[in-house]
N, C-alpha and C. Protein backbone atom coordinates (compact mmCIF):
# COMPACT_ATOMS: atom_id res chain seq x y z
N MET A 1 142.82 65.08 82.46
CA MET A 1 142.69 64.68 81.09
C MET A 1 142.94 63.17 81.02
N THR A 2 142.02 62.46 80.40
CA THR A 2 142.15 61.00 80.30
C THR A 2 143.01 60.61 79.11
N LYS A 3 143.44 59.36 79.14
CA LYS A 3 144.22 58.82 78.03
C LYS A 3 143.44 58.95 76.72
N GLU A 4 142.15 58.65 76.77
CA GLU A 4 141.32 58.72 75.58
C GLU A 4 141.20 60.15 75.06
N GLU A 5 141.09 61.11 75.97
CA GLU A 5 141.03 62.52 75.55
C GLU A 5 142.32 62.93 74.85
N ILE A 6 143.45 62.52 75.42
CA ILE A 6 144.74 62.84 74.81
C ILE A 6 144.83 62.23 73.42
N GLU A 7 144.46 60.96 73.30
CA GLU A 7 144.50 60.29 72.00
C GLU A 7 143.58 60.97 70.99
N ASP A 8 142.38 61.35 71.42
CA ASP A 8 141.42 62.02 70.53
C ASP A 8 141.94 63.37 70.05
N ILE A 9 142.52 64.14 70.95
CA ILE A 9 143.04 65.46 70.58
C ILE A 9 144.18 65.31 69.58
N VAL A 10 145.11 64.40 69.85
CA VAL A 10 146.24 64.21 68.95
C VAL A 10 145.77 63.71 67.59
N GLU A 11 144.78 62.83 67.58
CA GLU A 11 144.23 62.35 66.31
C GLU A 11 143.58 63.49 65.52
N MET A 12 142.89 64.37 66.22
CA MET A 12 142.28 65.54 65.55
C MET A 12 143.37 66.41 64.94
N TRP A 13 144.45 66.64 65.68
CA TRP A 13 145.57 67.43 65.14
C TRP A 13 146.10 66.80 63.87
N ASN A 14 146.32 65.50 63.91
CA ASN A 14 146.94 64.78 62.81
C ASN A 14 146.11 64.90 61.53
N ASN A 15 144.83 64.95 61.68
CA ASN A 15 143.95 64.97 60.50
C ASN A 15 143.55 66.36 60.04
N ASN A 16 143.64 67.35 60.91
CA ASN A 16 143.00 68.62 60.60
C ASN A 16 143.81 69.89 60.80
N MET A 17 144.95 69.84 61.46
CA MET A 17 145.60 71.08 61.88
C MET A 17 147.06 71.15 61.44
N ASP A 18 147.51 72.38 61.19
CA ASP A 18 148.93 72.57 60.94
C ASP A 18 149.62 72.95 62.25
N ILE A 19 150.93 73.06 62.23
CA ILE A 19 151.70 73.28 63.46
C ILE A 19 151.35 74.60 64.14
N PHE A 20 150.97 75.60 63.36
CA PHE A 20 150.61 76.90 63.95
C PHE A 20 149.28 76.82 64.69
N GLU A 21 148.35 76.06 64.14
CA GLU A 21 147.06 75.86 64.83
C GLU A 21 147.25 75.04 66.10
N ILE A 22 148.12 74.04 66.03
CA ILE A 22 148.41 73.23 67.22
C ILE A 22 149.02 74.12 68.31
N TYR A 23 149.94 74.99 67.93
CA TYR A 23 150.55 75.92 68.88
C TYR A 23 149.47 76.77 69.57
N GLU A 24 148.56 77.33 68.81
CA GLU A 24 147.51 78.18 69.38
C GLU A 24 146.64 77.40 70.36
N VAL A 25 146.25 76.19 70.00
CA VAL A 25 145.42 75.37 70.89
C VAL A 25 146.17 75.07 72.18
N LEU A 26 147.43 74.67 72.06
CA LEU A 26 148.21 74.38 73.26
C LEU A 26 148.35 75.61 74.15
N LYS A 27 148.68 76.73 73.55
CA LYS A 27 148.92 77.96 74.29
C LYS A 27 147.67 78.43 75.04
N GLU A 28 146.52 78.32 74.39
CA GLU A 28 145.30 78.90 74.94
C GLU A 28 144.45 77.94 75.76
N GLU A 29 144.58 76.64 75.55
CA GLU A 29 143.61 75.72 76.14
C GLU A 29 144.19 74.67 77.09
N HIS A 30 145.53 74.58 77.22
CA HIS A 30 146.08 73.47 77.99
C HIS A 30 147.12 73.93 79.00
N SER A 31 147.15 73.20 80.12
CA SER A 31 148.15 73.45 81.16
C SER A 31 149.52 72.97 80.67
N ASP A 32 150.56 73.31 81.41
CA ASP A 32 151.90 72.86 81.04
C ASP A 32 152.01 71.34 81.00
N GLU A 33 151.44 70.67 81.98
CA GLU A 33 151.50 69.21 82.01
C GLU A 33 150.71 68.60 80.85
N GLU A 34 149.56 69.17 80.53
CA GLU A 34 148.79 68.68 79.39
C GLU A 34 149.54 68.90 78.08
N LYS A 35 150.20 70.04 77.95
CA LYS A 35 151.01 70.30 76.75
C LYS A 35 152.04 69.21 76.57
N LYS A 36 152.74 68.89 77.67
CA LYS A 36 153.78 67.88 77.60
C LYS A 36 153.20 66.53 77.19
N GLN A 37 152.13 66.13 77.83
CA GLN A 37 151.54 64.82 77.52
C GLN A 37 151.02 64.76 76.08
N LEU A 38 150.41 65.82 75.61
CA LEU A 38 149.90 65.85 74.24
C LEU A 38 151.04 65.79 73.23
N LEU A 39 152.08 66.56 73.46
CA LEU A 39 153.21 66.58 72.53
C LEU A 39 153.97 65.26 72.55
N VAL A 40 154.16 64.68 73.71
CA VAL A 40 154.84 63.38 73.79
C VAL A 40 154.03 62.32 73.05
N HIS A 41 152.71 62.33 73.26
CA HIS A 41 151.88 61.34 72.57
C HIS A 41 151.93 61.54 71.06
N ALA A 42 151.84 62.77 70.60
CA ALA A 42 151.91 63.04 69.16
C ALA A 42 153.26 62.59 68.61
N PHE A 43 154.33 62.89 69.31
CA PHE A 43 155.67 62.52 68.86
C PHE A 43 155.81 61.00 68.74
N ASN A 44 155.26 60.28 69.70
CA ASN A 44 155.35 58.82 69.67
C ASN A 44 154.38 58.18 68.69
N ASP A 45 153.30 58.88 68.38
CA ASP A 45 152.25 58.32 67.52
C ASP A 45 152.49 58.58 66.04
N TRP A 46 153.02 59.74 65.72
CA TRP A 46 153.18 60.12 64.32
C TRP A 46 154.49 59.57 63.76
N ASN A 47 154.47 59.28 62.48
CA ASN A 47 155.66 58.70 61.85
C ASN A 47 156.00 59.46 60.56
N TYR A 48 156.11 60.77 60.68
CA TYR A 48 156.44 61.61 59.53
C TYR A 48 157.55 62.55 59.96
N PRO A 49 158.81 62.24 59.60
CA PRO A 49 159.96 62.98 60.13
C PRO A 49 159.87 64.51 60.07
N PRO A 50 159.39 65.11 58.97
CA PRO A 50 159.30 66.59 59.01
C PRO A 50 158.36 67.12 60.10
N MET A 51 157.27 66.40 60.35
CA MET A 51 156.35 66.84 61.40
C MET A 51 156.94 66.59 62.78
N LEU A 52 157.69 65.51 62.93
CA LEU A 52 158.35 65.24 64.22
C LEU A 52 159.32 66.35 64.57
N LYS A 53 160.03 66.84 63.57
CA LYS A 53 160.96 67.96 63.79
C LYS A 53 160.20 69.20 64.25
N LEU A 54 159.06 69.48 63.62
CA LEU A 54 158.24 70.62 64.03
C LEU A 54 157.72 70.45 65.45
N LEU A 55 157.32 69.23 65.80
CA LEU A 55 156.85 68.97 67.17
C LEU A 55 157.96 69.21 68.18
N GLU A 56 159.18 68.79 67.84
CA GLU A 56 160.31 69.03 68.75
C GLU A 56 160.55 70.53 68.94
N GLU A 57 160.46 71.29 67.86
CA GLU A 57 160.64 72.74 67.97
C GLU A 57 159.52 73.38 68.78
N LEU A 58 158.30 72.92 68.58
CA LEU A 58 157.17 73.44 69.33
C LEU A 58 157.32 73.10 70.81
N ALA A 59 157.69 71.88 71.12
CA ALA A 59 157.89 71.47 72.51
C ALA A 59 158.97 72.32 73.17
N TYR A 60 160.05 72.56 72.45
CA TYR A 60 161.14 73.38 72.99
C TYR A 60 160.63 74.77 73.36
N HIS A 61 159.76 75.31 72.54
CA HIS A 61 159.17 76.62 72.83
C HIS A 61 158.41 76.61 74.16
N PHE A 62 157.79 75.48 74.48
CA PHE A 62 157.02 75.35 75.72
C PHE A 62 157.86 74.82 76.88
N GLY A 63 159.17 74.72 76.71
CA GLY A 63 160.05 74.28 77.79
C GLY A 63 160.20 72.78 77.93
N ILE A 64 159.84 72.04 76.90
CA ILE A 64 160.01 70.59 76.88
C ILE A 64 161.17 70.33 75.94
N TYR A 65 162.31 69.94 76.50
CA TYR A 65 163.54 69.97 75.73
C TYR A 65 163.93 68.67 75.04
N ASN A 66 163.28 67.57 75.34
CA ASN A 66 163.62 66.34 74.64
C ASN A 66 162.42 65.40 74.64
N LEU A 67 161.62 65.44 73.60
CA LEU A 67 160.44 64.58 73.51
C LEU A 67 160.82 63.10 73.47
N LYS A 68 161.98 62.78 72.93
CA LYS A 68 162.41 61.39 72.83
C LYS A 68 162.62 60.76 74.20
N LYS A 69 163.01 61.54 75.18
CA LYS A 69 163.30 61.01 76.52
C LYS A 69 162.11 61.09 77.46
N GLU A 70 161.06 61.82 77.09
CA GLU A 70 159.89 61.93 77.96
C GLU A 70 159.08 60.64 77.91
N LYS A 71 158.43 60.33 79.01
CA LYS A 71 157.62 59.12 79.07
C LYS A 71 156.23 59.40 78.49
N GLU A 72 155.68 58.38 77.89
CA GLU A 72 154.34 58.47 77.30
C GLU A 72 153.29 58.48 78.40
N LEU A 73 152.36 59.37 78.31
CA LEU A 73 151.13 59.43 79.10
C LEU A 73 151.23 58.97 80.55
N ASP A 74 151.48 59.89 81.42
CA ASP A 74 151.52 59.65 82.85
C ASP A 74 150.16 59.13 83.32
N PRO A 75 150.08 57.92 83.87
CA PRO A 75 148.79 57.37 84.29
C PRO A 75 148.02 58.23 85.28
N GLU A 76 148.72 59.07 86.05
CA GLU A 76 148.03 59.96 86.98
C GLU A 76 147.11 60.93 86.27
N LEU A 77 147.39 61.22 85.01
CA LEU A 77 146.54 62.15 84.26
C LEU A 77 145.31 61.47 83.66
N TRP A 78 145.24 60.16 83.77
CA TRP A 78 144.14 59.45 83.15
C TRP A 78 142.88 59.43 83.99
N ALA A 79 142.95 59.94 85.20
CA ALA A 79 141.80 59.91 86.11
C ALA A 79 140.60 60.57 85.47
N VAL A 80 139.47 59.95 85.60
CA VAL A 80 138.24 60.45 85.00
C VAL A 80 137.56 61.40 85.96
């Protein structure tokens, strides 16, 4: 998954989806590493505290326990 793909997916979530729809997409369509990268990017990109709290709860459900400490977008995942 490229950096641009991650940014596009997160932007689509921000404009069109609620937290339950985001959960379904993550659960059904993405690997564990992709889930982490997408959630970290969303957490760092969005600036709406109630949604950030929901993202933290969603990440916890997927085994990502602290979005604040995770690094943004691992360059190894950007390979085309």
